[in-house]
Amino acid sequence: MVRGSMRFRFDCHPRFNYGRDPYELEVHPEGDVFRSPTLTLSIAPFKDSERKFDARGIRRDADGVSASFTLHAGDIGGVVLETACPHAPRAMSTEEACDLLAETRDYWRRVLSWVALDRAIRIAHRRGRPGDTARWATERDAIYQQVMTCGFNQERRAFVQHYGSDILDASLLAMPGLNIISPTDPMWESTLRAMDAELASDSLVYRYDPKASPDGLAGTEGTFNMCTFWYVQALAQAGRLDDARLTFEKMLTYASPLGLYSEEIAPTGEQIGNFPQAFSHLSLISTAAHLDDLLDKEQC
């Protein structure tokens, strides 16, 4: 909740193909367009009916654009950057912008809200801290029931990208690690089997299926290294230790001579995207430690 007023500023200076591709900037009445040989992006304001901020407030700034605007309590406004149609940017209402954000945000907002409440309850109980734990538990359990009911597609027998969807998403591999579901729960085991069949390709894991969930980006989607390491951990937690170990050892062969990983692995096996990628290495370390612990327990 914001009281009074707040000043906002945005700057947009895109670097297509990691700065290798040139681009042109086009100015239109509804916003601006960045056009490169492989990708077109549009940037346009969205605003409430009183039009507190419109495209006239966006100005050129060197090789990009920038703008400043002020919102007061109760105002809604901002800018949307999206993959664009071949023509001019489109006007977007506040309602549409909020719906687009909500579609991708709400599922994980609910999951992470459950995590926050669950951990707050644990801290209060273990450390004797004050807190309305009864109310927190009620809210936590309500979120859990909603995620289990709305986030699970009965036809697919799998948790899906967002409520009402039938599309798989590898970010869901984090669910057992967050303890919102047991790694041996039948709902999770069927989700993991669906990912085996649809998102995993010889040990490497795609974030999602671009054909089923188009992202508007040109080129071929590579497998995402962080998701592959999450997949190893999910396999191990589900008791599939042989599969987890084999997948992990295969993944190690894709490292650079210095043992570094990029963001993605291309279908050709080369490393692509940001290099080195911190998320890839954080998930590598976490997965290696977890897998090693489970393998040691199996031998005891």
Protein backbone atom coordinates (compact mmCIF):
# COMPACT_ATOMS: atom_id res chain seq x y z
CA MET A 1 0.00 0.00 0.00
CA VAL A 2 1.45 3.32 -1.10
CA ARG A 3 0.29 6.60 0.40
CA GLY A 4 0.95 9.96 -1.15
CA SER A 5 2.85 9.74 -4.43
CA MET A 6 5.79 7.86 -5.89
CA ARG A 7 8.05 8.70 -8.80
CA PHE A 8 8.97 5.92 -11.25
CA ARG A 9 11.60 5.78 -13.97
CA PHE A 10 12.35 3.08 -16.51
CA ASP A 11 15.19 2.70 -19.03
CA CYS A 12 15.17 0.19 -21.88
CA HIS A 13 18.35 -0.48 -23.86
CA PRO A 14 17.98 -3.98 -25.36
CA ARG A 15 20.89 -6.12 -26.48
CA PHE A 16 19.66 -8.58 -29.09
CA ASN A 17 21.56 -11.85 -29.37
CA TYR A 18 23.78 -10.72 -26.46
CA GLY A 19 24.71 -7.51 -28.27
CA ARG A 20 25.70 -9.11 -31.55
CA ASP A 21 22.62 -8.16 -33.60
CA PRO A 22 21.90 -4.57 -34.69
CA TYR A 23 18.42 -3.11 -34.27
CA GLU A 24 16.30 -0.14 -35.24
CA LEU A 25 14.12 1.96 -32.95
CA GLU A 26 10.74 3.04 -34.33
CA VAL A 27 8.49 5.60 -32.62
CA HIS A 28 4.72 5.14 -32.86
CA PRO A 29 1.73 6.95 -31.28
CA GLU A 30 1.01 4.00 -28.97
CA GLY A 31 4.62 3.27 -28.06
CA ASP A 32 7.98 2.27 -29.53
CA VAL A 33 9.33 -0.76 -31.37
CA PHE A 34 12.81 -2.29 -31.27
CA ARG A 35 13.32 -4.29 -34.46
CA SER A 36 16.27 -6.66 -34.96
CA PRO A 37 16.83 -9.32 -37.64
CA THR A 38 15.60 -12.10 -35.35
CA LEU A 39 13.26 -10.48 -32.84
CA THR A 40 10.89 -7.54 -32.52
CA LEU A 41 9.99 -6.02 -29.16
CA SER A 42 7.42 -3.35 -28.42
CA ILE A 43 7.22 -1.13 -25.37
CA ALA A 44 3.98 0.64 -24.60
CA PRO A 45 2.34 2.18 -21.54
CA PHE A 46 -0.74 0.84 -19.90
CA LYS A 47 -2.83 3.18 -17.83
CA ASP A 48 -6.17 3.67 -16.18
CA SER A 49 -9.02 5.50 -17.84
CA GLU A 50 -7.65 8.89 -16.81
CA ARG A 51 -4.49 8.33 -18.92
CA LYS A 52 -2.03 9.51 -16.30
CA PHE A 53 0.84 8.24 -18.45
CA ASP A 54 0.88 7.72 -22.19
CA ALA A 55 3.33 7.11 -25.02
CA ARG A 56 4.17 10.80 -25.27
CA GLY A 57 6.08 10.39 -22.01
CA ILE A 58 8.48 7.84 -23.56
CA ARG A 59 11.53 9.51 -25.06
CA ARG A 60 14.63 8.40 -26.91
CA ASP A 61 17.68 7.96 -24.73
CA ALA A 62 20.88 7.16 -26.65
CA ASP A 63 20.21 3.74 -28.23
CA GLY A 64 17.08 3.07 -26.17
CA VAL A 65 14.14 4.76 -24.51
CA SER A 66 13.34 6.01 -21.04
CA ALA A 67 10.50 7.65 -19.18
CA SER A 68 9.59 9.02 -15.78
CA PHE A 69 6.12 9.26 -14.31
CA THR A 70 4.43 9.78 -10.96
CA LEU A 71 1.64 7.67 -9.50
CA HIS A 72 -0.50 8.66 -6.57
CA ALA A 73 -2.36 6.46 -4.11
CA GLY A 74 -4.99 4.51 -6.06
CA ASP A 75 -3.39 5.07 -9.48
CA ILE A 76 -2.47 2.21 -11.80
CA GLY A 77 0.09 2.64 -14.56
CA GLY A 78 3.33 1.39 -16.05
CA VAL A 79 4.85 -0.06 -19.20
CA VAL A 80 4.72 -3.44 -20.88
CA LEU A 81 7.61 -4.91 -22.88
CA GLU A 82 6.48 -7.76 -25.10
CA THR A 83 7.33 -9.61 -28.26
CA ALA A 84 5.52 -7.58 -30.85
CA CYS A 85 3.51 -8.10 -34.00
CA PRO A 86 5.23 -6.98 -37.23
CA HIS A 87 3.45 -3.64 -37.11
CA ALA A 88 2.97 -0.89 -34.52
CA PRO A 89 2.70 -1.57 -30.77
CA ARG A 90 -0.82 -2.10 -29.52
CA ALA A 91 -2.62 -0.14 -26.88
CA MET A 92 -3.12 -2.10 -23.68
CA SER A 93 -5.64 -1.51 -20.95
CA THR A 94 -4.82 -1.77 -17.26
CA GLU A 95 -7.08 -4.80 -17.01
CA GLU A 96 -5.26 -6.67 -19.78
CA ALA A 97 -1.82 -5.85 -18.35
CA CYS A 98 -2.88 -7.04 -14.90
CA ASP A 99 -4.35 -10.24 -16.37
CA LEU A 100 -1.11 -11.03 -18.22
CA LEU A 101 0.90 -10.55 -15.05
CA ALA A 102 -1.54 -12.54 -12.94
CA GLU A 103 -1.49 -15.55 -15.28
CA THR A 104 2.20 -16.21 -14.72
CA ARG A 105 2.43 -14.85 -11.18
CA ASP A 106 -0.52 -16.25 -9.28
CA TYR A 107 0.42 -19.92 -9.22
CA TRP A 108 3.87 -19.36 -7.75
CA ARG A 109 2.65 -16.51 -5.58
CA ARG A 110 0.33 -19.03 -3.92
CA VAL A 111 3.00 -21.71 -3.62
CA LEU A 112 5.52 -19.27 -2.14
CA SER A 113 2.84 -17.78 0.13
CA TRP A 114 2.34 -21.30 1.48
CA VAL A 115 6.11 -21.58 2.01
CA ALA A 116 6.24 -18.23 3.83
CA LEU A 117 3.38 -19.13 6.17
CA ASP A 118 4.68 -22.66 6.80
CA ARG A 119 8.17 -21.42 7.67
CA ALA A 120 6.80 -18.64 9.87
CA ILE A 121 4.79 -21.20 11.85
CA ARG A 122 7.87 -23.43 12.24
CA ILE A 123 10.01 -20.52 13.43
CA ALA A 124 7.38 -19.43 15.93
CA HIS A 125 7.04 -22.94 17.37
CA ARG A 126 10.73 -23.86 17.44
CA ARG A 127 12.05 -20.55 18.75
CA GLY A 128 9.15 -19.51 20.92
CA ARG A 129 8.45 -16.39 18.90
CA PRO A 130 5.07 -14.67 19.17
CA GLY A 131 2.69 -14.93 16.26
CA ASP A 132 -0.91 -15.67 15.32
CA THR A 133 0.02 -19.23 14.33
CA ALA A 134 -3.57 -20.50 14.35
CA ARG A 135 -4.58 -17.94 11.73
CA TRP A 136 -1.41 -18.54 9.73
CA ALA A 137 -2.10 -22.28 9.74
CA THR A 138 -5.65 -21.73 8.50
CA GLU A 139 -4.43 -19.57 5.62
CA ARG A 140 -1.59 -21.98 4.82
CA ASP A 141 -3.95 -24.94 4.65
CA ALA A 142 -6.41 -23.03 2.44
CA ILE A 143 -3.61 -22.21 -0.02
CA TYR A 144 -2.51 -25.84 0.00
CA GLN A 145 -6.00 -27.07 -0.84
CA GLN A 146 -6.28 -24.55 -3.68
CA VAL A 147 -2.92 -25.50 -5.21
CA MET A 148 -3.71 -29.21 -4.98
CA THR A 149 -7.17 -28.72 -6.50
CA CYS A 150 -6.61 -26.00 -9.11
CA GLY A 151 -2.94 -26.58 -9.95
CA PHE A 152 -3.33 -30.29 -10.72
CA ASN A 153 -4.78 -31.22 -14.10
CA GLN A 154 -6.80 -34.40 -13.65
CA GLU A 155 -6.65 -35.32 -17.34
CA ARG A 156 -2.88 -34.93 -17.53
CA ARG A 157 -2.43 -36.36 -14.02
CA ALA A 158 0.14 -33.64 -13.47
CA PHE A 159 0.68 -30.24 -11.95
CA VAL A 160 0.64 -27.65 -14.71
CA GLN A 161 2.01 -24.22 -15.64
CA HIS A 162 -0.92 -22.23 -14.24
CA TYR A 163 -4.49 -22.76 -13.12
CA GLY A 164 -6.69 -23.99 -15.95
CA SER A 165 -3.72 -24.99 -18.11
CA ASP A 166 -2.67 -28.40 -19.40
CA ILE A 167 0.95 -27.37 -20.08
CA LEU A 168 3.88 -28.76 -18.10
CA ASP A 169 6.54 -26.45 -16.69
CA ALA A 170 9.90 -27.52 -15.27
CA SER A 171 9.76 -24.88 -12.53
CA LEU A 172 7.36 -27.27 -10.82
CA LEU A 173 10.33 -29.53 -10.11
CA ALA A 174 11.04 -27.25 -7.14
CA MET A 175 7.79 -28.24 -5.38
CA PRO A 176 9.10 -31.26 -3.39
CA GLY A 177 12.14 -29.28 -2.29
CA LEU A 178 9.81 -26.62 -0.90
CA ASN A 179 7.99 -29.37 1.04
CA ILE A 180 4.59 -28.43 -0.30
CA ILE A 181 4.24 -32.01 -1.55
CA SER A 182 5.95 -35.28 -0.72
CA PRO A 183 8.29 -36.57 -3.45
CA THR A 184 6.51 -39.94 -3.17
CA ASP A 185 2.97 -38.55 -3.31
CA PRO A 186 1.08 -40.22 -6.21
CA MET A 187 0.16 -36.78 -7.60
CA TRP A 188 3.83 -35.83 -7.74
CA GLU A 189 5.00 -39.19 -9.07
CA SER A 190 2.57 -38.90 -11.99
CA THR A 191 3.75 -35.33 -12.60
CA LEU A 192 7.36 -36.52 -12.71
CA ARG A 193 6.47 -39.28 -15.16
CA ALA A 194 4.78 -36.71 -17.39
CA MET A 195 7.95 -34.62 -17.34
CA ASP A 196 10.00 -37.73 -18.16
CA ALA A 197 7.97 -38.13 -21.32
CA GLU A 198 7.52 -34.52 -22.38
CA LEU A 199 10.26 -32.24 -21.04
CA ALA A 200 13.27 -34.56 -20.58
CA SER A 201 15.46 -35.33 -23.59
CA ASP A 202 18.24 -37.83 -22.84
CA SER A 203 18.83 -36.43 -19.35
CA LEU A 204 18.45 -32.75 -20.37
CA VAL A 205 15.31 -30.87 -19.38
CA TYR A 206 13.42 -28.12 -21.22
CA ARG A 207 11.74 -25.39 -19.19
CA TYR A 208 8.51 -25.93 -21.12
CA ASP A 209 7.32 -26.93 -24.57
CA PRO A 210 7.50 -23.77 -26.75
CA LYS A 211 5.03 -25.32 -29.19
CA ALA A 212 2.43 -25.74 -26.46
CA SER A 213 3.28 -22.46 -24.71
CA PRO A 214 4.72 -20.06 -27.34
CA ASP A 215 7.02 -17.40 -25.91
CA GLY A 216 7.30 -15.38 -29.14
CA LEU A 217 11.08 -15.72 -29.27
CA ALA A 218 12.82 -16.66 -32.49
CA GLY A 219 15.17 -19.61 -32.73
CA THR A 220 15.32 -22.98 -31.00
CA GLU A 221 14.84 -23.35 -27.27
CA GLY A 222 17.69 -25.12 -25.51
CA THR A 223 17.42 -27.25 -22.40
CA PHE A 224 17.78 -25.27 -19.18
CA ASN A 225 20.66 -26.39 -16.98
CA MET A 226 19.12 -25.33 -13.69
CA CYS A 227 15.98 -27.33 -14.52
CA THR A 228 18.09 -30.39 -15.37
CA PHE A 229 19.74 -30.27 -11.95
CA TRP A 230 16.33 -29.79 -10.31
CA TYR A 231 15.18 -32.86 -12.24
CA VAL A 232 18.07 -34.90 -10.82
CA GLN A 233 17.11 -33.84 -7.31
CA ALA A 234 13.44 -34.65 -7.92
CA LEU A 235 14.36 -38.12 -9.21
CA ALA A 236 16.53 -38.76 -6.16
CA GLN A 237 13.87 -37.56 -3.73
CA ALA A 238 11.32 -39.82 -5.43
CA GLY A 239 13.54 -42.83 -4.77
CA ARG A 240 14.75 -43.19 -8.36
CA LEU A 241 18.40 -42.98 -7.34
CA ASP A 242 19.80 -44.94 -10.30
CA ASP A 243 18.03 -42.61 -12.74
CA ALA A 244 19.17 -39.58 -10.76
CA ARG A 245 22.80 -40.66 -10.68
CA LEU A 246 22.87 -41.49 -14.40
CA THR A 247 21.24 -38.18 -15.32
CA PHE A 248 23.66 -36.26 -13.09
CA GLU A 249 26.72 -37.99 -14.54
CA LYS A 250 25.50 -37.31 -18.08
CA MET A 251 25.02 -33.66 -17.19
CA LEU A 252 28.60 -33.42 -15.95
CA THR A 253 29.85 -34.23 -19.46
CA TYR A 254 28.38 -30.96 -20.75
CA ALA A 255 30.60 -28.78 -18.52
CA SER A 256 33.33 -26.66 -20.06
CA PRO A 257 36.99 -27.68 -19.62
CA LEU A 258 36.99 -25.52 -16.48
CA GLY A 259 33.85 -27.21 -15.15
CA LEU A 260 31.61 -24.23 -15.88
CA TYR A 261 28.04 -24.19 -17.18
CA SER A 262 26.08 -21.75 -19.27
CA GLU A 263 22.37 -21.06 -19.03
CA GLU A 264 21.26 -23.63 -21.62
CA ILE A 265 22.43 -26.55 -23.72
CA ALA A 266 21.62 -26.39 -27.43
CA PRO A 267 20.29 -29.42 -29.34
CA THR A 268 23.82 -29.73 -30.78
CA GLY A 269 25.24 -30.12 -27.25
CA GLU A 270 26.99 -26.73 -27.15
CA GLN A 271 26.54 -24.33 -24.26
CA ILE A 272 24.41 -21.30 -25.11
CA GLY A 273 23.00 -18.30 -23.31
CA ASN A 274 24.60 -16.51 -20.37
CA PHE A 275 28.02 -17.94 -19.52
CA PRO A 276 28.88 -18.71 -16.84
CA GLN A 277 25.40 -18.82 -15.31
CA ALA A 278 25.20 -18.50 -11.52
CA PHE A 279 21.83 -20.27 -11.28
CA SER A 280 23.28 -23.30 -13.05
CA HIS A 281 26.12 -23.58 -10.55
CA LEU A 282 23.95 -22.99 -7.49
CA SER A 283 21.61 -25.79 -8.57
CA LEU A 284 24.62 -28.01 -9.40
CA ILE A 285 26.03 -27.60 -5.89
CA SER A 286 22.67 -28.12 -4.18
CA THR A 287 21.85 -31.18 -6.28
CA ALA A 288 25.30 -32.74 -5.83
CA ALA A 289 25.09 -32.40 -2.05
CA HIS A 290 21.55 -33.77 -1.92
CA LEU A 291 22.27 -36.69 -4.24
CA ASP A 292 25.45 -37.59 -2.34
CA ASP A 293 23.53 -37.62 0.95
CA LEU A 294 20.81 -39.91 -0.42
CA LEU A 295 23.34 -42.28 -2.01
CA ASP A 296 25.21 -42.53 1.30
CA LYS A 297 21.97 -43.34 3.13
CA GLU A 298 21.15 -46.05 0.59
CA GLN A 299 24.48 -47.77 1.27
CA CYS A 300 24.03 -47.76 5.06
